[in-house]
Amino acid sequence: MIILDTSVWIEYLKRNLDYKVVIDDFLREGKILAFDFVFGELMQGAKEHEKEKIIGLWDILPKVNISEIGFFAGKYSMENKLREKGVGLIDCSIIYATIELSSKLWTLDKKILTVLDDKLLYKSH
């Protein structure tokens, strides 16, 4: 399974073909996990024409469901000194979920890319 970071979903919503084609395939194949903080960020910044698409995706996708993820992400951040590296709690939550669920993370976030092991990253190229 693959978790898409907000940065990748934004490219999808902008209809960037480098992302849209791959993500549409993943959606058809049932390979994407929705992460609530990511979808919260998407809704927070959604343009009017994007709202229904985001809600529709949220409604159909399987969700990351890790109890007490905020606490465990904070603990993971502390143990790995991620705050000192400029990685915020939401990004730590995404990283923690990726590790816990043995999934892959597709992100464009430079800070995440510097702290997450390559074997946990989805590379589109």
N, C-alpha and C. Protein backbone atom coordinates (compact mmCIF):
# COMPACT_ATOMS: atom_id res chain seq x y z
N MET A 1 0.84 -1.19 0.00
CA MET A 1 0.00 0.00 0.00
C MET A 1 0.88 1.25 0.00
N ILE A 2 0.31 2.33 -0.51
CA ILE A 2 1.05 3.58 -0.64
C ILE A 2 0.25 4.70 0.03
N ILE A 3 0.95 5.50 0.83
CA ILE A 3 0.38 6.70 1.41
C ILE A 3 0.90 7.88 0.58
N LEU A 4 -0.01 8.72 0.13
CA LEU A 4 0.38 9.90 -0.63
C LEU A 4 0.39 11.10 0.30
N ASP A 5 1.49 11.82 0.30
CA ASP A 5 1.61 13.05 1.07
C ASP A 5 0.79 14.15 0.38
N THR A 6 0.50 15.17 1.12
CA THR A 6 -0.28 16.30 0.60
C THR A 6 0.32 16.84 -0.70
N SER A 7 1.64 16.93 -0.75
CA SER A 7 2.32 17.49 -1.93
C SER A 7 2.00 16.71 -3.20
N VAL A 8 1.86 15.41 -3.09
CA VAL A 8 1.56 14.57 -4.26
C VAL A 8 0.08 14.70 -4.63
N TRP A 9 -0.80 14.69 -3.63
CA TRP A 9 -2.22 14.88 -3.92
C TRP A 9 -2.46 16.22 -4.60
N ILE A 10 -1.73 17.24 -4.22
CA ILE A 10 -1.89 18.56 -4.85
C ILE A 10 -1.57 18.48 -6.34
N GLU A 11 -0.50 17.77 -6.68
CA GLU A 11 -0.16 17.60 -8.10
C GLU A 11 -1.27 16.84 -8.83
N TYR A 12 -1.84 15.87 -8.18
CA TYR A 12 -2.95 15.10 -8.75
C TYR A 12 -4.16 16.01 -8.99
N LEU A 13 -4.49 16.81 -8.00
CA LEU A 13 -5.64 17.71 -8.13
C LEU A 13 -5.42 18.78 -9.20
N LYS A 14 -4.16 19.15 -9.44
CA LYS A 14 -3.83 20.12 -10.50
C LYS A 14 -3.82 19.44 -11.87
N ARG A 15 -4.10 18.14 -11.87
CA ARG A 15 -4.14 17.34 -13.10
C ARG A 15 -2.77 17.25 -13.79
N ASN A 16 -1.72 17.27 -13.00
CA ASN A 16 -0.37 17.09 -13.51
C ASN A 16 -0.27 15.64 -13.99
N LEU A 17 -0.10 15.44 -15.28
CA LEU A 17 -0.15 14.09 -15.85
C LEU A 17 0.93 13.16 -15.31
N ASP A 18 2.07 13.71 -14.89
CA ASP A 18 3.12 12.87 -14.30
C ASP A 18 2.62 12.16 -13.05
N TYR A 19 1.63 12.72 -12.40
CA TYR A 19 1.07 12.14 -11.17
C TYR A 19 -0.29 11.51 -11.41
N LYS A 20 -1.12 12.19 -12.19
CA LYS A 20 -2.50 11.75 -12.40
C LYS A 20 -2.59 10.34 -12.96
N VAL A 21 -1.80 10.03 -13.95
CA VAL A 21 -1.87 8.72 -14.59
C VAL A 21 -1.51 7.61 -13.60
N VAL A 22 -0.43 7.81 -12.86
CA VAL A 22 0.03 6.80 -11.89
C VAL A 22 -0.98 6.65 -10.75
N ILE A 23 -1.45 7.77 -10.23
CA ILE A 23 -2.39 7.73 -9.11
C ILE A 23 -3.72 7.13 -9.53
N ASP A 24 -4.20 7.46 -10.71
CA ASP A 24 -5.43 6.84 -11.20
C ASP A 24 -5.28 5.32 -11.28
N ASP A 25 -4.13 4.84 -11.74
CA ASP A 25 -3.88 3.39 -11.76
C ASP A 25 -3.90 2.82 -10.34
N PHE A 26 -3.22 3.50 -9.41
CA PHE A 26 -3.20 3.04 -8.02
C PHE A 26 -4.61 3.02 -7.42
N LEU A 27 -5.41 4.01 -7.76
CA LEU A 27 -6.78 4.06 -7.26
C LEU A 27 -7.58 2.87 -7.78
N ARG A 28 -7.45 2.58 -9.06
CA ARG A 28 -8.16 1.43 -9.65
C ARG A 28 -7.71 0.11 -9.01
N GLU A 29 -6.42 0.03 -8.68
CA GLU A 29 -5.86 -1.20 -8.12
C GLU A 29 -6.04 -1.30 -6.60
N GLY A 30 -6.59 -0.26 -5.98
CA GLY A 30 -6.80 -0.27 -4.54
C GLY A 30 -5.52 -0.23 -3.72
N LYS A 31 -4.52 0.50 -4.19
CA LYS A 31 -3.21 0.53 -3.54
C LYS A 31 -2.95 1.75 -2.65
N ILE A 32 -3.93 2.65 -2.54
CA ILE A 32 -3.71 3.89 -1.80
C ILE A 32 -4.43 3.86 -0.46
N LEU A 33 -3.71 4.27 0.58
CA LEU A 33 -4.28 4.46 1.91
C LEU A 33 -4.46 5.96 2.14
N ALA A 34 -5.63 6.36 2.61
CA ALA A 34 -5.88 7.76 2.93
C ALA A 34 -5.44 8.03 4.36
N PHE A 35 -4.80 9.18 4.54
CA PHE A 35 -4.33 9.59 5.87
C PHE A 35 -5.10 10.84 6.27
N ASP A 36 -5.74 10.81 7.43
CA ASP A 36 -6.66 11.89 7.79
C ASP A 36 -6.01 13.27 7.84
N PHE A 37 -4.79 13.39 8.35
CA PHE A 37 -4.15 14.70 8.39
C PHE A 37 -3.88 15.22 6.98
N VAL A 38 -3.51 14.35 6.07
CA VAL A 38 -3.27 14.75 4.68
C VAL A 38 -4.56 15.27 4.07
N PHE A 39 -5.65 14.53 4.26
CA PHE A 39 -6.92 14.97 3.70
C PHE A 39 -7.44 16.22 4.40
N GLY A 40 -7.10 16.37 5.68
CA GLY A 40 -7.42 17.62 6.38
C GLY A 40 -6.69 18.79 5.77
N GLU A 41 -5.41 18.60 5.45
CA GLU A 41 -4.65 19.67 4.80
C GLU A 41 -5.22 19.98 3.42
N LEU A 42 -5.62 18.94 2.69
CA LEU A 42 -6.21 19.15 1.37
C LEU A 42 -7.50 19.96 1.47
N MET A 43 -8.36 19.60 2.44
CA MET A 43 -9.62 20.33 2.61
C MET A 43 -9.37 21.77 3.04
N GLN A 44 -8.38 21.96 3.90
CA GLN A 44 -8.06 23.29 4.40
C GLN A 44 -7.71 24.24 3.25
N GLY A 45 -6.99 23.73 2.25
CA GLY A 45 -6.54 24.57 1.15
C GLY A 45 -7.30 24.36 -0.14
N ALA A 46 -8.42 23.64 -0.10
CA ALA A 46 -9.13 23.26 -1.32
C ALA A 46 -9.75 24.46 -2.03
N LYS A 47 -9.60 24.43 -3.33
CA LYS A 47 -10.33 25.38 -4.17
C LYS A 47 -11.76 24.84 -4.31
N GLU A 48 -12.67 25.71 -4.61
CA GLU A 48 -14.08 25.32 -4.67
C GLU A 48 -14.30 24.10 -5.56
N HIS A 49 -13.66 24.07 -6.73
CA HIS A 49 -13.87 22.97 -7.66
C HIS A 49 -13.19 21.67 -7.22
N GLU A 50 -12.36 21.70 -6.18
CA GLU A 50 -11.66 20.50 -5.72
C GLU A 50 -12.36 19.80 -4.55
N LYS A 51 -13.24 20.50 -3.87
CA LYS A 51 -13.84 19.98 -2.64
C LYS A 51 -14.53 18.63 -2.84
N GLU A 52 -15.38 18.55 -3.83
CA GLU A 52 -16.12 17.29 -4.06
C GLU A 52 -15.19 16.14 -4.38
N LYS A 53 -14.16 16.40 -5.16
CA LYS A 53 -13.19 15.36 -5.52
C LYS A 53 -12.48 14.85 -4.26
N ILE A 54 -12.05 15.76 -3.40
CA ILE A 54 -11.35 15.37 -2.18
C ILE A 54 -12.26 14.56 -1.27
N ILE A 55 -13.49 15.03 -1.09
CA ILE A 55 -14.45 14.31 -0.25
C ILE A 55 -14.76 12.95 -0.84
N GLY A 56 -14.92 12.88 -2.15
CA GLY A 56 -15.19 11.60 -2.81
C GLY A 56 -14.06 10.60 -2.62
N LEU A 57 -12.82 11.07 -2.74
CA LEU A 57 -11.67 10.19 -2.51
C LEU A 57 -11.64 9.72 -1.06
N TRP A 58 -11.85 10.66 -0.13
CA TRP A 58 -11.85 10.31 1.29
C TRP A 58 -12.90 9.23 1.57
N ASP A 59 -14.06 9.37 0.97
CA ASP A 59 -15.16 8.43 1.22
C ASP A 59 -14.86 7.01 0.73
N ILE A 60 -14.10 6.88 -0.37
CA ILE A 60 -13.91 5.54 -0.95
C ILE A 60 -12.60 4.86 -0.55
N LEU A 61 -11.62 5.61 -0.10
CA LEU A 61 -10.31 5.01 0.17
C LEU A 61 -10.24 4.35 1.54
N PRO A 62 -9.48 3.24 1.62
CA PRO A 62 -9.20 2.69 2.95
C PRO A 62 -8.34 3.69 3.72
N LYS A 63 -8.51 3.70 5.02
CA LYS A 63 -7.86 4.71 5.84
C LYS A 63 -6.72 4.14 6.69
N VAL A 64 -5.72 4.98 6.94
CA VAL A 64 -4.72 4.69 7.96
C VAL A 64 -5.47 4.80 9.29
N ASN A 65 -5.41 3.74 10.08
CA ASN A 65 -6.14 3.73 11.34
C ASN A 65 -5.22 3.22 12.43
N ILE A 66 -4.45 4.13 13.02
CA ILE A 66 -3.51 3.78 14.08
C ILE A 66 -3.93 4.55 15.33
N SER A 67 -4.31 3.81 16.35
CA SER A 67 -4.74 4.43 17.59
C SER A 67 -3.59 5.21 18.23
N GLU A 68 -3.89 6.37 18.73
CA GLU A 68 -2.94 7.22 19.44
C GLU A 68 -1.74 7.62 18.58
N ILE A 69 -1.98 7.80 17.28
CA ILE A 69 -0.88 8.09 16.37
C ILE A 69 -0.14 9.38 16.71
N GLY A 70 -0.86 10.38 17.22
CA GLY A 70 -0.20 11.63 17.57
C GLY A 70 0.87 11.43 18.63
N PHE A 71 0.54 10.66 19.66
CA PHE A 71 1.51 10.38 20.72
C PHE A 71 2.71 9.61 20.18
N PHE A 72 2.43 8.53 19.44
CA PHE A 72 3.52 7.68 18.96
C PHE A 72 4.37 8.39 17.91
N ALA A 73 3.75 9.26 17.12
CA ALA A 73 4.53 10.05 16.16
C ALA A 73 5.44 11.03 16.90
N GLY A 74 4.93 11.63 17.98
CA GLY A 74 5.75 12.52 18.78
C GLY A 74 6.91 11.80 19.43
N LYS A 75 6.65 10.59 19.91
CA LYS A 75 7.71 9.76 20.51
C LYS A 75 8.75 9.39 19.46
N TYR A 76 8.28 9.00 18.28
CA TYR A 76 9.19 8.67 17.18
C TYR A 76 10.04 9.89 16.81
N SER A 77 9.40 11.05 16.76
CA SER A 77 10.10 12.29 16.45
C SER A 77 11.19 12.58 17.48
N MET A 78 10.83 12.43 18.76
CA MET A 78 11.80 12.69 19.82
C MET A 78 12.99 11.73 19.71
N GLU A 79 12.69 10.44 19.53
CA GLU A 79 13.76 9.44 19.46
C GLU A 79 14.68 9.64 18.27
N ASN A 80 14.15 10.21 17.20
CA ASN A 80 14.94 10.38 15.98
C ASN A 80 15.32 11.83 15.72
N LYS A 81 15.06 12.70 16.72
CA LYS A 81 15.42 14.11 16.66
C LYS A 81 14.90 14.80 15.39
N LEU A 82 13.66 14.46 15.02
CA LEU A 82 13.10 15.02 13.79
C LEU A 82 12.71 16.49 13.93
N ARG A 83 12.32 16.90 15.11
CA ARG A 83 11.99 18.31 15.31
C ARG A 83 13.20 19.19 15.02
N GLU A 84 14.35 18.73 15.47
CA GLU A 84 15.59 19.47 15.24
C GLU A 84 15.93 19.54 13.75
N LYS A 85 15.37 18.61 12.97
CA LYS A 85 15.61 18.58 11.52
C LYS A 85 14.50 19.31 10.76
N GLY A 86 13.61 19.97 11.50
CA GLY A 86 12.56 20.75 10.88
C GLY A 86 11.34 19.97 10.43
N VAL A 87 11.18 18.74 10.92
CA VAL A 87 10.05 17.92 10.54
C VAL A 87 8.95 18.08 11.59
N GLY A 88 7.79 18.57 11.17
CA GLY A 88 6.68 18.82 12.07
C GLY A 88 5.92 17.56 12.44
N LEU A 89 5.00 17.70 13.37
CA LEU A 89 4.28 16.54 13.90
C LEU A 89 3.41 15.85 12.86
N ILE A 90 2.77 16.60 11.98
CA ILE A 90 1.94 15.95 10.95
C ILE A 90 2.83 15.10 10.05
N ASP A 91 3.96 15.64 9.62
CA ASP A 91 4.88 14.84 8.79
C ASP A 91 5.42 13.65 9.57
N CYS A 92 5.69 13.82 10.86
CA CYS A 92 6.14 12.69 11.69
C CYS A 92 5.05 11.62 11.76
N SER A 93 3.79 12.06 11.81
CA SER A 93 2.67 11.10 11.83
C SER A 93 2.62 10.30 10.54
N ILE A 94 2.84 10.97 9.43
CA ILE A 94 2.84 10.29 8.13
C ILE A 94 4.00 9.30 8.07
N ILE A 95 5.16 9.72 8.52
CA ILE A 95 6.33 8.84 8.53
C ILE A 95 6.07 7.64 9.43
N TYR A 96 5.55 7.90 10.63
CA TYR A 96 5.28 6.82 11.58
C TYR A 96 4.28 5.82 10.99
N ALA A 97 3.22 6.31 10.37
CA ALA A 97 2.22 5.43 9.76
C ALA A 97 2.84 4.58 8.66
N THR A 98 3.68 5.19 7.85
CA THR A 98 4.35 4.46 6.77
C THR A 98 5.16 3.29 7.32
N ILE A 99 5.91 3.57 8.38
CA ILE A 99 6.75 2.53 8.99
C ILE A 99 5.88 1.45 9.63
N GLU A 100 4.91 1.86 10.43
CA GLU A 100 4.07 0.91 11.17
C GLU A 100 3.27 -0.01 10.24
N LEU A 101 2.84 0.52 9.11
CA LEU A 101 2.01 -0.25 8.20
C LEU A 101 2.82 -0.93 7.09
N SER A 102 4.14 -0.83 7.19
CA SER A 102 5.03 -1.40 6.17
C SER A 102 4.58 -1.00 4.77
N SER A 103 4.23 0.26 4.62
CA SER A 103 3.82 0.75 3.32
C SER A 103 4.92 1.61 2.73
N LYS A 104 4.59 2.29 1.67
CA LYS A 104 5.50 3.23 1.03
C LYS A 104 4.87 4.61 1.10
N LEU A 105 5.72 5.62 1.14
CA LEU A 105 5.25 6.99 1.15
C LEU A 105 5.70 7.66 -0.14
N TRP A 106 4.76 8.31 -0.80
CA TRP A 106 5.08 9.10 -1.98
C TRP A 106 4.97 10.56 -1.56
N THR A 107 6.09 11.25 -1.57
CA THR A 107 6.13 12.64 -1.12
C THR A 107 7.09 13.45 -1.98
N LEU A 108 6.86 14.74 -1.99
CA LEU A 108 7.78 15.68 -2.62
C LEU A 108 8.44 16.55 -1.55
N ASP A 109 8.09 16.31 -0.30
CA ASP A 109 8.58 17.11 0.83
C ASP A 109 10.07 16.85 1.06
N LYS A 110 10.87 17.88 0.89
CA LYS A 110 12.33 17.73 0.99
C LYS A 110 12.78 17.30 2.38
N LYS A 111 12.12 17.78 3.41
CA LYS A 111 12.51 17.39 4.77
C LYS A 111 12.23 15.90 5.01
N ILE A 112 11.07 15.44 4.58
CA ILE A 112 10.75 14.01 4.73
C ILE A 112 11.73 13.18 3.92
N LEU A 113 12.02 13.62 2.71
CA LEU A 113 12.93 12.86 1.85
C LEU A 113 14.32 12.72 2.46
N THR A 114 14.72 13.67 3.29
CA THR A 114 16.05 13.58 3.90
C THR A 114 16.08 12.68 5.13
N VAL A 115 14.93 12.42 5.76
CA VAL A 115 14.94 11.64 7.00
C VAL A 115 14.36 10.24 6.87
N LEU A 116 13.62 9.96 5.81
CA LEU A 116 12.99 8.65 5.67
C LEU A 116 13.85 7.73 4.80
N ASP A 117 14.02 6.52 5.26
CA ASP A 117 14.80 5.52 4.55
C ASP A 117 14.24 5.32 3.13
N ASP A 118 15.13 5.27 2.16
CA ASP A 118 14.73 5.12 0.75
C ASP A 118 13.82 3.92 0.51
N LYS A 119 13.99 2.85 1.26
CA LYS A 119 13.18 1.66 1.03
C LYS A 119 11.71 1.88 1.39
N LEU A 120 11.42 2.97 2.14
CA LEU A 120 10.06 3.31 2.51
C LEU A 120 9.44 4.35 1.59
N LEU A 121 10.22 4.83 0.65
CA LEU A 121 9.73 5.86 -0.28
C LEU A 121 9.30 5.25 -1.60
N TYR A 122 8.17 5.73 -2.11
CA TYR A 122 7.76 5.35 -3.46
C TYR A 122 8.44 6.33 -4.40
N LYS A 123 9.11 5.78 -5.38
CA LYS A 123 9.77 6.62 -6.40
C LYS A 123 9.04 6.37 -7.72
N SER A 124 8.53 7.43 -8.29
CA SER A 124 7.73 7.28 -9.51
C SER A 124 8.60 7.11 -10.75
N HIS A 125 9.87 7.38 -10.64
CA HIS A 125 10.73 7.29 -11.85
C HIS A 125 11.74 6.19 -11.69
